[in-house]
PDB file of N, CA and C in Angstrom:
ATOM      1  N   UNK A   1     -34.907  -3.964 -18.994  1.00  0.00           N
ATOM      2  CA  UNK A   1     -34.105  -5.147 -18.882  1.00  0.00           C
ATOM      3  C   UNK A   1     -35.055  -6.412 -18.925  1.00  0.00           C
ATOM      4  N   UNK A   2     -34.010  -7.254 -20.077  1.00  0.00           N
ATOM      5  CA  UNK A   2     -34.759  -8.300 -20.587  1.00  0.00           C
ATOM      6  C   UNK A   2     -34.992  -9.717 -19.620  1.00  0.00           C
ATOM      7  N   UNK A   3     -35.886 -10.311 -19.463  1.00  0.00           N
ATOM      8  CA  UNK A   3     -36.097 -11.204 -18.314  1.00  0.00           C
ATOM      9  C   UNK A   3     -34.876 -12.446 -18.341  1.00  0.00           C
ATOM     10  N   UNK A   4     -34.332 -12.581 -19.299  1.00  0.00           N
ATOM     11  CA  UNK A   4     -33.016 -13.608 -19.279  1.00  0.00           C
ATOM     12  C   UNK A   4     -31.513 -12.728 -18.859  1.00  0.00           C
ATOM     13  N   UNK A   5     -31.603 -11.406 -19.164  1.00  0.00           N
ATOM     14  CA  UNK A   5     -30.540 -10.528 -18.153  1.00  0.00           C
ATOM     15  C   UNK A   5     -30.964 -10.421 -16.656  1.00  0.00           C
ATOM     16  N   UNK A   6     -32.177 -10.394 -16.226  1.00  0.00           N
ATOM     17  CA  UNK A   6     -32.857 -10.308 -14.715  1.00  0.00           C
ATOM     18  C   UNK A   6     -32.210 -12.051 -14.259  1.00  0.00           C
ATOM     19  N   UNK A   7     -32.420 -12.839 -14.769  1.00  0.00           N
ATOM     20  CA  UNK A   7     -32.215 -14.329 -14.439  1.00  0.00           C
ATOM     21  C   UNK A   7     -30.692 -14.300 -14.089  1.00  0.00           C
ATOM     22  N   UNK A   8     -30.022 -13.763 -14.982  1.00  0.00           N
ATOM     23  CA  UNK A   8     -28.466 -13.742 -14.858  1.00  0.00           C
ATOM     24  C   UNK A   8     -27.883 -12.904 -13.580  1.00  0.00           C
ATOM     25  N   UNK A   9     -28.654 -11.909 -13.480  1.00  0.00           N
ATOM     26  CA  UNK A   9     -28.198 -10.683 -12.596  1.00  0.00           C
ATOM     27  C   UNK A   9     -28.774 -11.542 -11.232  1.00  0.00           C
ATOM     28  N   UNK A  10     -29.800 -12.268 -11.331  1.00  0.00           N
ATOM     29  CA  UNK A  10     -30.429 -12.758  -9.947  1.00  0.00           C
ATOM     30  C   UNK A  10     -29.288 -13.820  -9.455  1.00  0.00           C
ATOM     31  N   UNK A  11     -28.696 -14.644 -10.226  1.00  0.00           N
ATOM     32  CA  UNK A  11     -27.882 -15.709  -9.976  1.00  0.00           C
ATOM     33  C   UNK A  11     -26.591 -15.322  -9.651  1.00  0.00           C
ATOM     34  N   UNK A  12     -26.326 -13.931 -10.356  1.00  0.00           N
ATOM     35  CA  UNK A  12     -25.123 -13.516  -9.824  1.00  0.00           C
ATOM     36  C   UNK A  12     -25.054 -12.962  -8.396  1.00  0.00           C
ATOM     37  N   UNK A  13     -26.002 -12.367  -8.121  1.00  0.00           N
ATOM     38  CA  UNK A  13     -26.366 -11.709  -6.707  1.00  0.00           C
ATOM     39  C   UNK A  13     -26.347 -13.104  -5.820  1.00  0.00           C
ATOM     40  N   UNK A  14     -27.195 -14.259  -5.993  1.00  0.00           N
ATOM     41  CA  UNK A  14     -27.369 -15.347  -5.128  1.00  0.00           C
ATOM     42  C   UNK A  14     -25.838 -15.802  -4.940  1.00  0.00           C
ATOM     43  N   UNK A  15     -25.023 -16.019  -5.992  1.00  0.00           N
ATOM     44  CA  UNK A  15     -23.871 -16.703  -5.974  1.00  0.00           C
ATOM     45  C   UNK A  15     -22.947 -15.969  -5.136  1.00  0.00           C
ATOM     46  N   UNK A  16     -23.153 -14.565  -5.292  1.00  0.00           N
ATOM     47  CA  UNK A  16     -21.871 -13.690  -4.331  1.00  0.00           C
ATOM     48  C   UNK A  16     -22.572 -13.737  -2.736  1.00  0.00           C
ATOM     49  N   UNK A  17     -23.871 -13.692  -2.669  1.00  0.00           N
ATOM     50  CA  UNK A  17     -24.109 -13.951  -1.170  1.00  0.00           C
ATOM     51  C   UNK A  17     -23.821 -14.990  -0.474  1.00  0.00           C
ATOM     52  N   UNK A  18     -23.903 -16.317  -1.381  1.00  0.00           N
ATOM     53  CA  UNK A  18     -23.354 -17.626  -0.822  1.00  0.00           C
ATOM     54  C   UNK A  18     -21.888 -17.601  -0.564  1.00  0.00           C
ATOM     55  N   UNK A  19     -21.098 -17.177  -1.600  1.00  0.00           N
ATOM     56  CA  UNK A  19     -19.828 -16.906  -1.356  1.00  0.00           C
ATOM     57  C   UNK A  19     -19.184 -16.387  -0.344  1.00  0.00           C
ATOM     58  N   UNK A  20     -19.582 -15.085   0.053  1.00  0.00           N
ATOM     59  CA  UNK A  20     -19.655 -14.210   1.530  1.00  0.00           C
ATOM     60  C   UNK A  20     -19.734 -15.191   2.461  1.00  0.00           C
ATOM     61  N   UNK A  21     -20.984 -15.972   2.644  1.00  0.00           N
ATOM     62  CA  UNK A  21     -21.253 -16.621   3.689  1.00  0.00           C
ATOM     63  C   UNK A  21     -20.311 -17.565   3.823  1.00  0.00           C
ATOM     64  N   UNK A  22     -19.902 -18.296   2.812  1.00  0.00           N
ATOM     65  CA  UNK A  22     -18.715 -19.406   3.136  1.00  0.00           C
ATOM     66  C   UNK A  22     -17.497 -18.872   3.713  1.00  0.00           C
ATOM     67  N   UNK A  23     -17.138 -17.431   3.214  1.00  0.00           N
ATOM     68  CA  UNK A  23     -15.821 -17.108   3.373  1.00  0.00           C
ATOM     69  C   UNK A  23     -16.151 -16.699   5.030  1.00  0.00           C
ATOM     70  N   UNK A  24     -17.113 -16.042   5.317  1.00  0.00           N
ATOM     71  CA  UNK A  24     -17.267 -16.081   6.912  1.00  0.00           C
ATOM     72  C   UNK A  24     -17.575 -17.074   7.835  1.00  0.00           C
ATOM     73  N   UNK A  25     -17.972 -17.839   7.187  1.00  0.00           N
ATOM     74  CA  UNK A  25     -18.123 -19.371   8.048  1.00  0.00           C
ATOM     75  C   UNK A  25     -16.590 -19.672   8.328  1.00  0.00           C
ATOM     76  N   UNK A  26     -16.118 -19.906   7.027  1.00  0.00           N
ATOM     77  CA  UNK A  26     -14.800 -20.332   7.208  1.00  0.00           C
ATOM     78  C   UNK A  26     -13.539 -19.760   8.050  1.00  0.00           C
ATOM     79  N   UNK A  27     -13.606 -18.431   8.163  1.00  0.00           N
ATOM     80  CA  UNK A  27     -12.919 -17.484   8.673  1.00  0.00           C
ATOM     81  C   UNK A  27     -13.334 -17.783  10.255  1.00  0.00           C
ATOM     82  N   UNK A  28     -14.401 -18.020  10.598  1.00  0.00           N
ATOM     83  CA  UNK A  28     -14.811 -17.811  12.040  1.00  0.00           C
ATOM     84  C   UNK A  28     -14.293 -19.516  12.598  1.00  0.00           C
ATOM     85  N   UNK A  29     -14.556 -20.361  11.682  1.00  0.00           N
ATOM     86  CA  UNK A  29     -13.864 -21.499  12.083  1.00  0.00           C
ATOM     87  C   UNK A  29     -12.335 -21.499  12.130  1.00  0.00           C
ATOM     88  N   UNK A  30     -11.590 -20.811  11.447  1.00  0.00           N
ATOM     89  CA  UNK A  30     -10.138 -20.905  11.643  1.00  0.00           C
ATOM     90  C   UNK A  30      -9.919 -20.086  12.842  1.00  0.00           C
ATOM     91  N   UNK A  31     -10.774 -19.083  13.282  1.00  0.00           N
ATOM     92  CA  UNK A  31     -10.235 -18.359  14.485  1.00  0.00           C
ATOM     93  C   UNK A  31     -10.887 -19.206  15.658  1.00  0.00           C
ATOM     94  N   UNK A  32     -11.463 -20.181  15.630  1.00  0.00           N
ATOM     95  CA  UNK A  32     -12.062 -20.595  17.017  1.00  0.00           C
ATOM     96  C   UNK A  32     -10.821 -20.945  17.966  1.00  0.00           C
ATOM     97  N   UNK A  33      -9.850 -21.348  17.537  1.00  0.00           N
ATOM     98  CA  UNK A  33      -8.713 -21.671  18.433  1.00  0.00           C
ATOM     99  C   UNK A  33      -7.503 -20.491  18.772  1.00  0.00           C
ATOM    100  N   UNK A  34      -8.081 -19.142  18.169  1.00  0.00           N
ATOM    101  CA  UNK A  34      -7.340 -18.356  18.328  1.00  0.00           C
ATOM    102  C   UNK A  34      -7.797 -17.446  19.767  1.00  0.00           C
ATOM    103  N   UNK A  35      -6.848 -16.766  20.649  1.00  0.00           N
ATOM    104  CA  UNK A  35      -7.051 -16.100  21.721  1.00  0.00           C
ATOM    105  C   UNK A  35      -6.483 -14.711  21.862  1.00  0.00           C
ATOM    106  N   UNK A  36      -6.687 -14.063  22.874  1.00  0.00           N
ATOM    107  CA  UNK A  36      -5.971 -12.882  22.826  1.00  0.00           C
ATOM    108  C   UNK A  36      -5.151 -13.123  23.978  1.00  0.00           C
ATOM    109  N   UNK A  37      -3.789 -12.953  24.019  1.00  0.00           N
ATOM    110  CA  UNK A  37      -3.069 -13.016  24.751  1.00  0.00           C
ATOM    111  C   UNK A  37      -3.521 -12.614  26.154  1.00  0.00           C
ATOM    112  N   UNK A  38      -2.765 -13.094  27.245  1.00  0.00           N
ATOM    113  CA  UNK A  38      -3.364 -12.781  28.625  1.00  0.00           C
ATOM    114  C   UNK A  38      -2.328 -12.537  29.590  1.00  0.00           C
ATOM    115  N   UNK A  39      -2.413 -12.121  30.778  1.00  0.00           N
ATOM    116  CA  UNK A  39      -1.340 -12.234  31.655  1.00  0.00           C
ATOM    117  C   UNK A  39       0.170 -11.543  31.131  1.00  0.00           C
ATOM    118  N   UNK A  40       0.961 -12.348  31.284  1.00  0.00           N
ATOM    119  CA  UNK A  40       2.486 -11.950  31.110  1.00  0.00           C
ATOM    120  C   UNK A  40       2.455 -12.263  29.312  1.00  0.00           C
ATOM    121  N   UNK A  41       1.516 -12.730  28.248  1.00  0.00           N
ATOM    122  CA  UNK A  41       1.926 -12.942  27.398  1.00  0.00           C
ATOM    123  C   UNK A  41       1.513 -11.687  26.522  1.00  0.00           C
ATOM    124  N   UNK A  42       0.978 -10.350  27.315  1.00  0.00           N
ATOM    125  CA  UNK A  42       0.486  -9.116  26.711  1.00  0.00           C
ATOM    126  C   UNK A  42       1.950  -8.332  27.043  1.00  0.00           C
ATOM    127  N   UNK A  43       2.230  -7.430  26.086  1.00  0.00           N
ATOM    128  CA  UNK A  43       3.525  -6.656  26.012  1.00  0.00           C
ATOM    129  C   UNK A  43       3.276  -5.373  27.143  1.00  0.00           C
ATOM    130  N   UNK A  44       4.288  -5.316  28.060  1.00  0.00           N
ATOM    131  CA  UNK A  44       3.875  -4.201  28.903  1.00  0.00           C
ATOM    132  C   UNK A  44       3.044  -4.410  29.955  1.00  0.00           C
ATOM    133  N   UNK A  45       2.620  -5.774  30.146  1.00  0.00           N
ATOM    134  CA  UNK A  45       1.511  -6.000  31.151  1.00  0.00           C
ATOM    135  C   UNK A  45       2.054  -6.226  32.469  1.00  0.00           C
ATOM    136  N   UNK A  46       1.284  -6.192  33.743  1.00  0.00           N
ATOM    137  CA  UNK A  46       1.836  -6.314  34.797  1.00  0.00           C
ATOM    138  C   UNK A  46       1.845  -7.461  35.216  1.00  0.00           C
ATOM    139  N   UNK A  47       2.229  -8.099  36.496  1.00  0.00           N
ATOM    140  CA  UNK A  47       2.374  -9.542  36.678  1.00  0.00           C
ATOM    141  C   UNK A  47       0.810  -9.838  37.466  1.00  0.00           C
ATOM    142  N   UNK A  48       0.292 -11.084  37.194  1.00  0.00           N
ATOM    143  CA  UNK A  48      -1.034 -11.186  37.690  1.00  0.00           C
ATOM    144  C   UNK A  48      -0.983 -12.373  38.598  1.00  0.00           C
ATOM    145  N   UNK A  49      -1.425 -12.247  39.954  1.00  0.00           N
ATOM    146  CA  UNK A  49      -1.353 -13.168  40.940  1.00  0.00           C
ATOM    147  C   UNK A  49      -2.659 -13.277  41.137  1.00  0.00           C
ATOM    148  N   UNK A  50      -3.153 -14.743  41.894  1.00  0.00           N
ATOM    149  CA  UNK A  50      -3.999 -15.349  42.349  1.00  0.00           C
ATOM    150  C   UNK A  50      -4.081 -15.946  43.396  1.00  0.00           C
ATOM    151  N   UNK A  51      -4.877 -16.497  43.955  1.00  0.00           N
ATOM    152  CA  UNK A  51      -4.962 -17.188  45.340  1.00  0.00           C
ATOM    153  C   UNK A  51      -5.597 -18.724  44.995  1.00  0.00           C
ATOM    154  N   UNK A  52      -4.828 -19.609  45.271  1.00  0.00           N
ATOM    155  CA  UNK A  52      -5.387 -21.168  45.251  1.00  0.00           C
ATOM    156  C   UNK A  52      -6.837 -21.090  45.916  1.00  0.00           C
ATOM    157  N   UNK A  53      -7.651 -22.165  45.288  1.00  0.00           N
ATOM    158  CA  UNK A  53      -9.050 -22.410  45.804  1.00  0.00           C
ATOM    159  C   UNK A  53      -9.280 -23.750  45.888  1.00  0.00           C
ATOM    160  N   UNK A  54      -8.767 -24.434  46.980  1.00  0.00           N
ATOM    161  CA  UNK A  54      -8.745 -25.821  46.910  1.00  0.00           C
ATOM    162  C   UNK A  54     -10.270 -26.379  47.304  1.00  0.00           C
ATOM    163  N   UNK A  55     -10.955 -26.311  46.620  1.00  0.00           N
ATOM    164  CA  UNK A  55     -12.794 -26.621  46.573  1.00  0.00           C
ATOM    165  C   UNK A  55     -13.033 -26.922  45.170  1.00  0.00           C
ATOM    166  N   UNK A  56     -13.880 -27.910  45.549  1.00  0.00           N
ATOM    167  CA  UNK A  56     -14.560 -28.824  44.091  1.00  0.00           C
ATOM    168  C   UNK A  56     -15.742 -27.797  43.551  1.00  0.00           C
ATOM    169  N   UNK A  57     -16.171 -28.285  42.623  1.00  0.00           N
ATOM    170  CA  UNK A  57     -17.466 -27.506  42.055  1.00  0.00           C
ATOM    171  C   UNK A  57     -18.583 -26.969  43.156  1.00  0.00           C
ATOM    172  N   UNK A  58     -18.641 -28.236  43.932  1.00  0.00           N
ATOM    173  CA  UNK A  58     -20.101 -27.730  44.893  1.00  0.00           C
ATOM    174  C   UNK A  58     -19.387 -26.962  46.109  1.00  0.00           C
ATOM    175  N   UNK A  59     -18.121 -26.656  46.088  1.00  0.00           N
ATOM    176  CA  UNK A  59     -17.477 -25.581  47.259  1.00  0.00           C
ATOM    177  C   UNK A  59     -17.300 -26.600  48.362  1.00  0.00           C
ATOM    178  N   UNK A  60     -16.960 -27.761  48.519  1.00  0.00           N
ATOM    179  CA  UNK A  60     -16.491 -28.666  49.450  1.00  0.00           C
ATOM    180  C   UNK A  60     -14.824 -28.738  49.413  1.00  0.00           C
ATOM    181  N   UNK A  61     -14.190 -28.768  50.335  1.00  0.00           N
ATOM    182  CA  UNK A  61     -12.780 -28.697  50.256  1.00  0.00           C
ATOM    183  C   UNK A  61     -12.297 -29.927  49.559  1.00  0.00           C
ATOM    184  N   UNK A  62     -11.134 -30.033  48.915  1.00  0.00           N
ATOM    185  CA  UNK A  62     -10.453 -31.062  48.423  1.00  0.00           C
ATOM    186  C   UNK A  62      -9.574 -31.880  49.472  1.00  0.00           C
ATOM    187  N   UNK A  63      -9.906 -32.913  49.310  1.00  0.00           N
ATOM    188  CA  UNK A  63      -9.074 -33.707  50.106  1.00  0.00           C
ATOM    189  C   UNK A  63      -7.621 -33.299  50.557  1.00  0.00           C
ATOM    190  N   UNK A  64      -7.280 -33.103  51.710  1.00  0.00           N
ATOM    191  CA  UNK A  64      -6.035 -32.413  52.330  1.00  0.00           C
ATOM    192  C   UNK A  64      -5.939 -30.976  52.053  1.00  0.00           C
ATOM    193  N   UNK A  65      -6.953 -30.434  51.357  1.00  0.00           N
ATOM    194  CA  UNK A  65      -6.686 -28.918  51.011  1.00  0.00           C
ATOM    195  C   UNK A  65      -5.708 -28.413  50.007  1.00  0.00           C
ATOM    196  N   UNK A  66      -5.332 -29.368  49.085  1.00  0.00           N
ATOM    197  CA  UNK A  66      -4.291 -29.210  48.088  1.00  0.00           C
ATOM    198  C   UNK A  66      -4.823 -29.488  47.006  1.00  0.00           C
ATOM    199  N   UNK A  67      -4.241 -28.613  46.088  1.00  0.00           N
ATOM    200  CA  UNK A  67      -4.731 -28.712  44.190  1.00  0.00           C
ATOM    201  C   UNK A  67      -3.335 -29.305  43.933  1.00  0.00           C
ATOM    202  N   UNK A  68      -3.482 -30.248  42.689  1.00  0.00           N
ATOM    203  CA  UNK A  68      -2.224 -30.528  42.115  1.00  0.00           C
ATOM    204  C   UNK A  68      -1.920 -29.689  41.146  1.00  0.00           C
ATOM    205  N   UNK A  69      -0.778 -29.462  40.944  1.00  0.00           N
ATOM    206  CA  UNK A  69       0.053 -28.667  39.748  1.00  0.00           C
ATOM    207  C   UNK A  69       0.464 -29.583  38.709  1.00  0.00           C
ATOM    208  N   UNK A  70      -0.076 -29.691  37.471  1.00  0.00           N
ATOM    209  CA  UNK A  70       0.521 -30.667  36.776  1.00  0.00           C
ATOM    210  C   UNK A  70       1.489 -29.917  35.701  1.00  0.00           C
ATOM    211  N   UNK A  71       2.417 -30.805  34.855  1.00  0.00           N
ATOM    212  CA  UNK A  71       3.510 -30.401  34.007  1.00  0.00           C
ATOM    213  C   UNK A  71       2.594 -30.019  32.744  1.00  0.00           C
ATOM    214  N   UNK A  72       1.783 -30.890  32.509  1.00  0.00           N
ATOM    215  CA  UNK A  72       0.726 -30.502  31.116  1.00  0.00           C
ATOM    216  C   UNK A  72      -0.489 -30.300  31.591  1.00  0.00           C
ATOM    217  N   UNK A  73      -0.997 -29.103  30.682  1.00  0.00           N
ATOM    218  CA  UNK A  73      -2.402 -29.375  31.413  1.00  0.00           C
ATOM    219  C   UNK A  73      -3.586 -30.253  30.560  1.00  0.00           C
ATOM    220  N   UNK A  74      -3.077 -30.720  29.295  1.00  0.00           N
ATOM    221  CA  UNK A  74      -3.898 -31.258  28.256  1.00  0.00           C
ATOM    222  C   UNK A  74      -3.766 -32.774  28.684  1.00  0.00           C
ATOM    223  N   UNK A  75      -2.816 -33.546  29.262  1.00  0.00           N
ATOM    224  CA  UNK A  75      -2.651 -35.018  29.417  1.00  0.00           C
ATOM    225  C   UNK A  75      -2.637 -34.941  30.765  1.00  0.00           C
ATOM    226  N   UNK A  76      -2.326 -34.072  31.841  1.00  0.00           N
ATOM    227  CA  UNK A  76      -2.159 -34.437  33.083  1.00  0.00           C
ATOM    228  C   UNK A  76      -1.085 -35.350  33.312  1.00  0.00           C
ATOM    229  N   UNK A  77       0.116 -35.173  32.756  1.00  0.00           N
ATOM    230  CA  UNK A  77       1.136 -36.062  32.773  1.00  0.00           C
ATOM    231  C   UNK A  77       1.697 -36.471  33.998  1.00  0.00           C
ATOM    232  N   UNK A  78       2.329 -35.436  35.083  1.00  0.00           N
ATOM    233  CA  UNK A  78       2.521 -35.782  36.252  1.00  0.00           C
ATOM    234  C   UNK A  78       2.452 -34.592  36.988  1.00  0.00           C
ATOM    235  N   UNK A  79       2.631 -34.834  38.452  1.00  0.00           N
ATOM    236  CA  UNK A  79       2.175 -33.610  39.121  1.00  0.00           C
ATOM    237  C   UNK A  79       3.489 -32.977  39.554  1.00  0.00           C
ATOM    238  N   UNK A  80       3.653 -31.887  39.449  1.00  0.00           N
ATOM    239  CA  UNK A  80       4.993 -31.051  39.786  1.00  0.00           C
ATOM    240  C   UNK A  80       4.953 -30.380  41.305  1.00  0.00           C
ATOM    241  N   UNK A  81       3.965 -30.279  41.669  1.00  0.00           N
ATOM    242  CA  UNK A  81       3.834 -29.620  42.693  1.00  0.00           C
ATOM    243  C   UNK A  81       2.357 -29.780  43.485  1.00  0.00           C
ATOM    244  N   UNK A  82       1.987 -29.197  44.725  1.00  0.00           N
ATOM    245  CA  UNK A  82       0.711 -29.515  45.081  1.00  0.00           C
ATOM    246  C   UNK A  82       0.795 -28.060  46.043  1.00  0.00           C
ATOM    247  N   UNK A  83      -0.471 -27.243  45.902  1.00  0.00           N
ATOM    248  CA  UNK A  83      -0.462 -25.686  46.605  1.00  0.00           C
ATOM    249  C   UNK A  83      -1.650 -25.992  47.423  1.00  0.00           C
ATOM    250  N   UNK A  84      -1.336 -25.157  48.771  1.00  0.00           N
ATOM    251  CA  UNK A  84      -2.496 -25.419  49.713  1.00  0.00           C
ATOM    252  C   UNK A  84      -3.523 -24.723  49.518  1.00  0.00           C
ATOM    253  N   UNK A  85      -4.730 -24.580  49.885  1.00  0.00           N
ATOM    254  CA  UNK A  85      -5.872 -23.618  49.846  1.00  0.00           C
ATOM    255  C   UNK A  85      -5.226 -22.293  50.644  1.00  0.00           C
ATOM    256  N   UNK A  86      -5.426 -21.194  49.598  1.00  0.00           N
ATOM    257  CA  UNK A  86      -5.064 -19.870  50.230  1.00  0.00           C
ATOM    258  C   UNK A  86      -3.688 -19.503  49.945  1.00  0.00           C
ATOM    259  N   UNK A  87      -2.877 -20.560  49.015  1.00  0.00           N
ATOM    260  CA  UNK A  87      -1.721 -19.984  48.653  1.00  0.00           C
ATOM    261  C   UNK A  87      -1.531 -19.249  47.347  1.00  0.00           C
ATOM    262  N   UNK A  88      -0.433 -18.071  47.762  1.00  0.00           N
ATOM    263  CA  UNK A  88      -0.760 -17.022  46.470  1.00  0.00           C
ATOM    264  C   UNK A  88       0.340 -17.976  45.511  1.00  0.00           C
ATOM    265  N   UNK A  89      -0.132 -17.509  43.995  1.00  0.00           N
ATOM    266  CA  UNK A  89       0.701 -17.823  42.751  1.00  0.00           C
ATOM    267  C   UNK A  89       0.754 -16.823  42.155  1.00  0.00           C
ATOM    268  N   UNK A  90       1.723 -17.055  41.073  1.00  0.00           N
ATOM    269  CA  UNK A  90       1.992 -16.122  40.073  1.00  0.00           C
ATOM    270  C   UNK A  90       1.201 -16.797  38.670  1.00  0.00           C
ATOM    271  N   UNK A  91       0.506 -15.822  38.021  1.00  0.00           N
ATOM    272  CA  UNK A  91      -0.568 -16.477  36.878  1.00  0.00           C
ATOM    273  C   UNK A  91       0.774 -16.010  35.543  1.00  0.00           C
ATOM    274  N   UNK A  92       1.335 -17.119  34.795  1.00  0.00           N
ATOM    275  CA  UNK A  92       2.287 -16.832  33.685  1.00  0.00           C
ATOM    276  C   UNK A  92       1.568 -16.974  32.468  1.00  0.00           C
ATOM    277  N   UNK A  93       0.449 -17.770  32.075  1.00  0.00           N
ATOM    278  CA  UNK A  93      -0.533 -17.683  30.710  1.00  0.00           C
ATOM    279  C   UNK A  93      -1.489 -18.243  31.261  1.00  0.00           C
ATOM    280  N   UNK A  94      -2.586 -18.192  30.230  1.00  0.00           N
ATOM    281  CA  UNK A  94      -3.913 -19.052  30.286  1.00  0.00           C
ATOM    282  C   UNK A  94      -4.091 -19.674  28.637  1.00  0.00           C
ATOM    283  N   UNK A  95      -4.672 -20.805  29.020  1.00  0.00           N
ATOM    284  CA  UNK A  95      -4.939 -21.474  27.634  1.00  0.00           C
ATOM    285  C   UNK A  95      -6.284 -22.564  27.778  1.00  0.00           C
ATOM    286  N   UNK A  96      -7.296 -21.903  27.120  1.00  0.00           N
ATOM    287  CA  UNK A  96      -8.668 -22.548  27.480  1.00  0.00           C
ATOM    288  C   UNK A  96      -9.072 -22.159  28.903  1.00  0.00           C
ATOM    289  N   UNK A  97      -9.314 -23.422  29.569  1.00  0.00           N
ATOM    290  CA  UNK A  97      -9.655 -23.472  31.345  1.00  0.00           C
ATOM    291  C   UNK A  97      -8.437 -23.584  31.660  1.00  0.00           C
ATOM    292  N   UNK A  98      -7.076 -23.931  30.970  1.00  0.00           N
ATOM    293  CA  UNK A  98      -5.602 -23.906  32.268  1.00  0.00           C
ATOM    294  C   UNK A  98      -5.182 -22.761  32.428  1.00  0.00           C
ATOM    295  N   UNK A  99      -4.486 -22.725  33.179  1.00  0.00           N
ATOM    296  CA  UNK A  99      -4.001 -21.580  33.837  1.00  0.00           C
ATOM    297  C   UNK A  99      -2.180 -22.153  34.313  1.00  0.00           C
ATOM    298  N   UNK A 100      -1.526 -21.515  33.694  1.00  0.00           N
ATOM    299  CA  UNK A 100      -0.098 -21.882  33.786  1.00  0.00           C
ATOM    300  C   UNK A 100       0.639 -21.040  35.007  1.00  0.00           C
ATOM    301  N   UNK A 101       0.794 -21.580  36.424  1.00  0.00           N
ATOM    302  CA  UNK A 101       1.279 -20.844  37.540  1.00  0.00           C
ATOM    303  C   UNK A 101       2.604 -21.102  37.924  1.00  0.00           C
ATOM    304  N   UNK A 102       3.064 -20.146  38.518  1.00  0.00           N
ATOM    305  CA  UNK A 102       4.482 -20.343  39.211  1.00  0.00           C
ATOM    306  C   UNK A 102       4.025 -20.485  40.850  1.00  0.00           C
ATOM    307  N   UNK A 103       4.455 -21.443  41.567  1.00  0.00           N
ATOM    308  CA  UNK A 103       4.159 -21.687  42.718  1.00  0.00           C
ATOM    309  C   UNK A 103       4.957 -20.451  43.692  1.00  0.00           C
ATOM    310  N   UNK A 104       4.731 -20.543  45.053  1.00  0.00           N
ATOM    311  CA  UNK A 104       5.496 -19.823  45.816  1.00  0.00           C
ATOM    312  C   UNK A 104       6.811 -20.613  45.911  1.00  0.00           C
ATOM    313  N   UNK A 105       6.819 -21.923  45.622  1.00  0.00           N
ATOM    314  CA  UNK A 105       7.966 -22.636  45.900  1.00  0.00           C
ATOM    315  C   UNK A 105       8.827 -22.167  44.604  1.00  0.00           C
ATOM    316  N   UNK A 106       8.173 -22.045  43.514  1.00  0.00           N
ATOM    317  CA  UNK A 106       9.174 -21.756  42.383  1.00  0.00           C
ATOM    318  C   UNK A 106       8.717 -22.692  41.307  1.00  0.00           C
ATOM    319  N   UNK A 107       7.993 -23.678  41.747  1.00  0.00           N
ATOM    320  CA  UNK A 107       7.597 -24.665  40.189  1.00  0.00           C
ATOM    321  C   UNK A 107       6.557 -24.150  39.559  1.00  0.00           C
ATOM    322  N   UNK A 108       6.670 -24.531  38.040  1.00  0.00           N
ATOM    323  CA  UNK A 108       5.987 -24.023  37.431  1.00  0.00           C
ATOM    324  C   UNK A 108       5.071 -25.246  36.674  1.00  0.00           C
ATOM    325  N   UNK A 109       3.799 -24.759  36.609  1.00  0.00           N
ATOM    326  CA  UNK A 109       2.847 -26.155  36.064  1.00  0.00           C
ATOM    327  C   UNK A 109       1.445 -25.719  35.851  1.00  0.00           C
ATOM    328  N   UNK A 110       0.677 -26.702  35.468  1.00  0.00           N
ATOM    329  CA  UNK A 110      -0.838 -26.032  35.316  1.00  0.00           C
ATOM    330  C   UNK A 110      -1.785 -26.580  36.130  1.00  0.00           C
ATOM    331  N   UNK A 111      -2.989 -25.718  36.355  1.00  0.00           N
ATOM    332  CA  UNK A 111      -4.074 -25.872  36.895  1.00  0.00           C
ATOM    333  C   UNK A 111      -5.234 -25.578  36.427  1.00  0.00           C
ATOM    334  N   UNK A 112      -6.389 -26.044  36.792  1.00  0.00           N
ATOM    335  CA  UNK A 112      -7.570 -25.364  36.298  1.00  0.00           C
ATOM    336  C   UNK A 112      -8.092 -24.277  36.758  1.00  0.00           C
ATOM    337  N   UNK A 113      -8.604 -23.134  35.843  1.00  0.00           N
ATOM    338  CA  UNK A 113      -9.006 -21.757  36.146  1.00  0.00           C
ATOM    339  C   UNK A 113      -9.646 -21.973  37.682  1.00  0.00           C
ATOM    340  N   UNK A 114     -10.627 -22.854  37.710  1.00  0.00           N
ATOM    341  CA  UNK A 114     -11.523 -23.453  38.662  1.00  0.00           C
ATOM    342  C   UNK A 114     -10.697 -22.944  40.000  1.00  0.00           C
ATOM    343  N   UNK A 115      -9.574 -23.551  39.904  1.00  0.00           N
ATOM    344  CA  UNK A 115      -9.068 -23.528  41.686  1.00  0.00           C
ATOM    345  C   UNK A 115      -8.266 -22.332  41.618  1.00  0.00           C
ATOM    346  N   UNK A 116      -8.604 -20.967  40.971  1.00  0.00           N
ATOM    347  CA  UNK A 116      -8.008 -19.658  41.340  1.00  0.00           C
ATOM    348  C   UNK A 116      -8.969 -18.927  41.688  1.00  0.00           C
ATOM    349  N   UNK A 117      -8.478 -17.949  42.570  1.00  0.00           N
ATOM    350  CA  UNK A 117      -9.503 -16.819  43.114  1.00  0.00           C
ATOM    351  C   UNK A 117      -8.822 -15.622  42.928  1.00  0.00           C
TER     352      UNK A 117
END
């Protein structure tokens, strides 16, 4: 092979490699918000239950031993219910660190996964 053809082939291989790396990086960035369905989002799944854990990150009880249930996990708009430590709840779905639950009283809202066991 002539030296000029080797340079062209080398350039082609390099550009192909860089293109593939770019495609892989873009693909992984596009999937960063994607998640696998969990809980009741899965078809044919059973109902998931959890128990409220009204303790802070150090294991100390929260004031009043209750966890606020919010109507919107991202903005924490308004409290729709309060759950006592040990109360059983139904997990409806998960999104990031947020978990949508249904309380024993029938209220639906969001808590941090931190507060479930």
